[in-house]
Protein backbone atom coordinates (compact mmCIF):
# COMPACT_ATOMS: atom_id res chain seq x y z
CA UNK A 1 -0.15 -0.12 0.14
CA UNK A 2 3.23 2.45 1.06
CA UNK A 3 4.97 1.60 -2.26
CA UNK A 4 1.38 2.65 -4.36
CA UNK A 5 1.14 5.52 -2.27
CA UNK A 6 4.63 6.59 -3.35
CA UNK A 7 3.79 5.90 -7.07
CA UNK A 8 0.85 7.71 -7.11
CA UNK A 9 2.54 10.70 -5.07
CA UNK A 10 -0.22 10.44 -2.36
CA UNK A 11 0.11 9.23 0.65
CA UNK A 12 -3.63 8.10 1.85
CA UNK A 13 -3.67 9.50 5.19
CA UNK A 14 -5.55 11.48 7.55
CA UNK A 15 -4.49 13.38 10.47
CA UNK A 16 -6.56 13.68 13.39
CA UNK A 17 -5.65 16.17 16.44
CA UNK A 18 -7.49 16.03 19.54
CA UNK A 19 -7.23 16.96 23.06
CA UNK A 20 -7.16 14.46 25.21
CA UNK A 21 -7.46 10.76 24.30
CA UNK A 22 -8.46 10.07 28.07
CA UNK A 23 -11.84 11.66 27.29
CA UNK A 24 -14.24 9.13 25.74
CA UNK A 25 -16.21 12.18 23.94
CA UNK A 26 -12.99 12.15 21.52
CA UNK A 27 -11.87 7.99 21.21
CA UNK A 28 -15.61 8.04 19.44
CA UNK A 29 -15.18 11.06 17.29
CA UNK A 30 -12.08 8.94 16.28
CA UNK A 31 -14.27 6.10 15.90
CA UNK A 32 -16.14 8.20 13.25
CA UNK A 33 -13.96 9.96 11.41
CA UNK A 34 -12.14 6.52 11.16
CA UNK A 35 -15.07 4.86 10.07
CA UNK A 36 -15.91 7.67 7.50
CA UNK A 37 -11.57 7.25 6.18
CA UNK A 38 -11.16 3.84 5.71
CA UNK A 39 -14.56 3.06 3.65
CA UNK A 40 -12.60 5.71 1.46
CA UNK A 41 -9.50 4.00 1.52
CA UNK A 42 -7.60 5.85 3.47
CA UNK A 43 -5.12 5.93 7.07
CA UNK A 44 -5.82 8.23 10.36
CA UNK A 45 -3.02 9.17 11.82
CA UNK A 46 -4.43 10.22 15.92
CA UNK A 47 -2.45 13.09 17.92
CA UNK A 48 -3.88 14.10 21.83
CA UNK A 49 -1.56 17.54 22.83
CA UNK A 50 -3.70 17.08 26.31
CA UNK A 51 -4.35 20.94 25.85
CA UNK A 52 -0.72 21.80 25.67
CA UNK A 53 0.13 24.18 22.55
CA UNK A 54 3.52 22.86 22.68
CA UNK A 55 2.22 18.94 21.86
CA UNK A 56 0.01 21.06 19.54
CA UNK A 57 2.66 22.14 17.80
CA UNK A 58 4.33 18.62 17.71
CA UNK A 59 1.69 17.10 16.32
CA UNK A 60 1.37 19.22 13.35
CA UNK A 61 4.88 18.65 12.42
CA UNK A 62 4.17 14.82 12.57
CA UNK A 63 1.42 15.11 9.99
CA UNK A 64 3.59 16.99 7.66
CA UNK A 65 6.87 14.52 7.86
CA UNK A 66 4.04 11.87 7.14
CA UNK A 67 2.51 13.50 4.16
CA UNK A 68 -1.06 13.78 5.11
CA UNK A 69 -3.99 14.49 3.12
CA UNK A 70 -5.87 16.51 5.04
CA UNK A 71 -5.87 16.79 9.08
CA UNK A 72 -9.64 17.29 11.92
CA UNK A 73 -8.10 19.13 14.37
CA UNK A 74 -10.83 18.81 17.02
CA UNK A 75 -8.66 21.00 20.04
CA UNK A 76 -8.37 24.98 21.04
CA UNK A 77 -4.73 24.99 20.90
CA UNK A 78 -2.89 26.11 18.15
CA UNK A 79 0.16 26.95 16.32
CA UNK A 80 -0.58 29.77 13.65
CA UNK A 81 2.80 29.16 11.68
CA UNK A 82 2.75 25.88 11.84
CA UNK A 83 -0.74 25.81 10.87
CA UNK A 84 -0.08 28.51 8.00
CA UNK A 85 2.28 25.77 6.29
CA UNK A 86 -0.50 23.50 6.05
CA UNK A 87 -2.63 25.55 4.37
CA UNK A 88 1.18 26.88 2.31
CA UNK A 89 0.97 23.54 1.41
CA UNK A 90 -3.06 23.07 0.31
CA UNK A 91 -3.18 20.44 2.79
CA UNK A 92 -7.59 20.59 3.85
CA UNK A 93 -8.38 21.42 7.16
CA UNK A 94 -10.58 20.97 9.87
CA UNK A 95 -11.17 23.07 13.05
CA UNK A 96 -13.64 22.59 15.92
CA UNK A 97 -15.02 26.31 16.88
CA UNK A 98 -11.34 27.48 16.29
CA UNK A 99 -9.88 28.99 12.95
CA UNK A 100 -10.22 31.49 10.24
CA UNK A 101 -12.51 30.38 7.26
CA UNK A 102 -10.34 30.85 3.90
CA UNK A 103 -9.44 28.44 1.29
CA UNK A 104 -8.77 25.06 2.68
CA UNK A 105 -9.21 25.58 5.62
CA UNK A 106 -13.31 25.00 6.80
CA UNK A 107 -15.33 25.01 10.30
CA UNK A 108 -16.97 22.90 12.57
CA UNK A 109 -19.46 25.18 14.42
CA UNK A 110 -21.20 23.77 17.59
CA UNK A 111 -23.88 26.00 18.98
CA UNK A 112 -23.32 25.97 22.38
CA UNK A 113 -26.00 28.16 23.26
CA UNK A 114 -28.84 26.74 21.97
CA UNK A 115 -27.54 23.41 24.24
CA UNK A 116 -27.22 25.42 26.94
CA UNK A 117 -30.32 27.09 26.97
CA UNK A 118 -32.46 23.75 26.24
CA UNK A 119 -30.60 22.39 29.57
CA UNK A 120 -31.54 25.30 31.82
CA UNK A 121 -35.01 25.35 30.12
CA UNK A 122 -35.69 22.00 31.73
CA UNK A 123 -34.23 22.51 34.40
CA UNK A 124 -36.60 25.34 35.60
CA UNK A 125 -39.02 24.10 33.93
CA UNK A 126 -38.26 21.74 36.83
CA UNK A 127 -38.58 24.33 39.01
CA UNK A 128 -35.34 25.07 39.83
CA UNK A 129 -34.40 28.76 40.02
CA UNK A 130 -31.21 28.41 41.68
CA UNK A 131 -28.52 27.12 39.33
CA UNK A 132 -25.44 26.10 39.54
CA UNK A 133 -22.71 26.13 36.59
CA UNK A 134 -19.60 24.16 36.33
CA UNK A 135 -17.31 25.73 33.21
CA UNK A 136 -15.23 24.35 31.04
CA UNK A 137 -11.20 25.69 31.41
CA UNK A 138 -11.21 29.75 31.28
CA UNK A 139 -8.66 29.59 29.09
CA UNK A 140 -10.14 27.96 26.29
CA UNK A 141 -12.16 29.97 23.51
CA UNK A 142 -15.59 27.81 24.41
CA UNK A 143 -15.01 28.81 27.63
CA UNK A 144 -16.79 33.19 27.39
CA UNK A 145 -19.14 31.26 24.99
CA UNK A 146 -21.26 28.68 27.43
CA UNK A 147 -20.87 31.31 30.11
CA UNK A 148 -22.22 33.99 27.93
CA UNK A 149 -25.44 31.17 27.11
CA UNK A 150 -25.47 30.55 30.69
CA UNK A 151 -26.00 33.43 31.78
CA UNK A 152 -28.46 35.19 29.22
CA UNK A 153 -30.55 31.55 29.75
CA UNK A 154 -31.30 32.71 32.72
CA UNK A 155 -31.73 36.38 32.39
CA UNK A 156 -34.65 35.80 29.10
CA UNK A 157 -36.08 33.37 31.85
CA UNK A 158 -36.19 36.60 34.94
CA UNK A 159 -33.75 34.27 37.06
CA UNK A 160 -31.12 36.48 39.07
CA UNK A 161 -27.39 35.03 38.63
CA UNK A 162 -25.09 34.33 41.85
CA UNK A 163 -21.60 34.47 40.78
CA UNK A 164 -21.02 32.29 43.35
CA UNK A 165 -22.65 29.57 41.65
CA UNK A 166 -20.04 29.33 38.68
CA UNK A 167 -17.04 27.04 38.91
CA UNK A 168 -14.28 26.37 36.38
CA UNK A 169 -13.77 23.03 36.05
CA UNK A 170 -10.85 21.70 33.48
CA UNK A 171 -13.06 18.96 31.80
CA UNK A 172 -12.05 15.94 33.85
CA UNK A 173 -13.95 13.75 36.82
CA UNK A 174 -11.27 15.13 39.34
CA UNK A 175 -12.06 19.09 38.33
CA UNK A 176 -15.88 18.35 38.45
CA UNK A 177 -15.87 15.85 42.13
CA UNK A 178 -13.78 19.10 43.31
CA UNK A 179 -15.62 21.87 41.33
CA UNK A 180 -19.29 20.48 43.52
CA UNK A 181 -17.53 19.75 47.00
CA UNK A 182 -17.45 24.09 46.10
CA UNK A 183 -20.55 24.45 45.58
CA UNK A 184 -22.25 22.21 48.21
CA UNK A 185 -20.53 23.77 50.68
CA UNK A 186 -21.81 27.23 49.86
CA UNK A 187 -24.29 28.17 52.36
CA UNK A 188 -26.98 27.89 50.06
CA UNK A 189 -25.72 26.03 47.44
CA UNK A 190 -27.54 25.31 44.05
CA UNK A 191 -30.35 23.05 43.77
CA UNK A 192 -29.31 21.84 40.27
CA UNK A 193 -26.10 22.36 38.25
CA UNK A 194 -25.33 22.40 34.50
CA UNK A 195 -21.62 21.05 33.89
CA UNK A 196 -19.81 21.99 30.14
CA UNK A 197 -18.65 18.31 29.37
CA UNK A 198 -19.85 15.00 30.65
CA UNK A 199 -16.71 14.09 32.84
CA UNK A 200 -17.68 17.33 35.19
CA UNK A 201 -20.95 15.98 35.56
CA UNK A 202 -19.29 12.69 36.53
CA UNK A 203 -17.09 13.73 39.16
CA UNK A 204 -20.19 16.33 40.19
CA UNK A 205 -22.06 12.73 41.20
CA UNK A 206 -19.27 11.76 42.75
CA UNK A 207 -19.60 14.79 44.62
CA UNK A 208 -22.95 14.41 45.84
CA UNK A 209 -23.16 10.89 46.55
CA UNK A 210 -19.59 11.39 49.09
CA UNK A 211 -22.13 14.71 50.83
CA UNK A 212 -24.98 11.91 51.18
CA UNK A 213 -27.54 13.57 49.04
CA UNK A 214 -29.28 12.16 46.45
CA UNK A 215 -29.29 12.64 42.53
CA UNK A 216 -31.95 13.94 41.18
CA UNK A 217 -34.31 14.10 44.32
CA UNK A 218 -31.77 16.58 46.55
CA UNK A 219 -30.43 18.49 43.30
CA UNK A 220 -30.15 17.77 40.05
CA UNK A 221 -27.33 17.35 37.11
CA UNK A 222 -27.05 18.17 33.56
CA UNK A 223 -23.86 17.12 31.17
CA UNK A 224 -22.78 18.04 28.31
CA UNK A 225 -21.81 15.74 25.40
CA UNK A 226 -23.93 12.62 25.75
CA UNK A 227 -20.62 10.03 26.05
CA UNK A 228 -22.00 6.52 26.03
CA UNK A 229 -20.25 6.37 29.77
CA UNK A 230 -22.99 8.39 30.79
CA UNK A 231 -25.26 5.82 30.22
CA UNK A 232 -23.99 3.70 33.40
CA UNK A 233 -23.65 6.12 35.91
CA UNK A 234 -25.91 6.17 38.77
CA UNK A 235 -28.66 7.53 38.38
CA UNK A 236 -27.80 8.02 34.09
CA UNK A 237 -26.88 11.25 33.55
CA UNK A 238 -29.00 13.44 31.73
CA UNK A 239 -27.32 15.36 29.37
CA UNK A 240 -27.49 17.58 25.89
CA UNK A 241 -26.43 15.26 22.74
CA UNK A 242 -23.44 16.96 21.01
CA UNK A 243 -23.89 14.96 17.51
């Protein structure tokens, strides 16, 4: 296969750069891309940045060395000069939420605002008025979008916001555990909490259990992503599905 690719001057390899391969959301994304690529006779080269811009640069260099024919960049970490080199080489790029659209560059935009608005509407319909939010790391562009959407969703329904109910997480189970523990320690803790992703919500569920509270009897928890794993939490997690 490699000899045939060399003869044709093509690698038949597509690159995929993700943030954290241990987050179940990304293996599901890898599988989706691989299924589509294999059906078209391509292989996938996967790199994980661990939210580190230096590792992002190494990932891009690796893609250039392997002469990939296209790269899907499903992460917020950027190395502009190296990405510009890919564009200069006319390697098609697809970004998730970041990157400027131009020739050979596409962008998949996630409507976080709509998802968060629907989650808040669900909680308000259940009678919750004291709602907490565990955000993703504030260094990520999507963090500001999600936080603003959370505040607007409350404002649009005439619900007062309390900044003490907004905690910064890190997209991990441990981060969700820590943030929810802090929320539950407040003098007036929230009756419901929206998390920026499902791993954070799983950590939040653990914090609730450690506090000898029950979901949803004592507090409601909502995630974001709908990874396969959340079918098996106790109780099964309510979440916003990201296709």
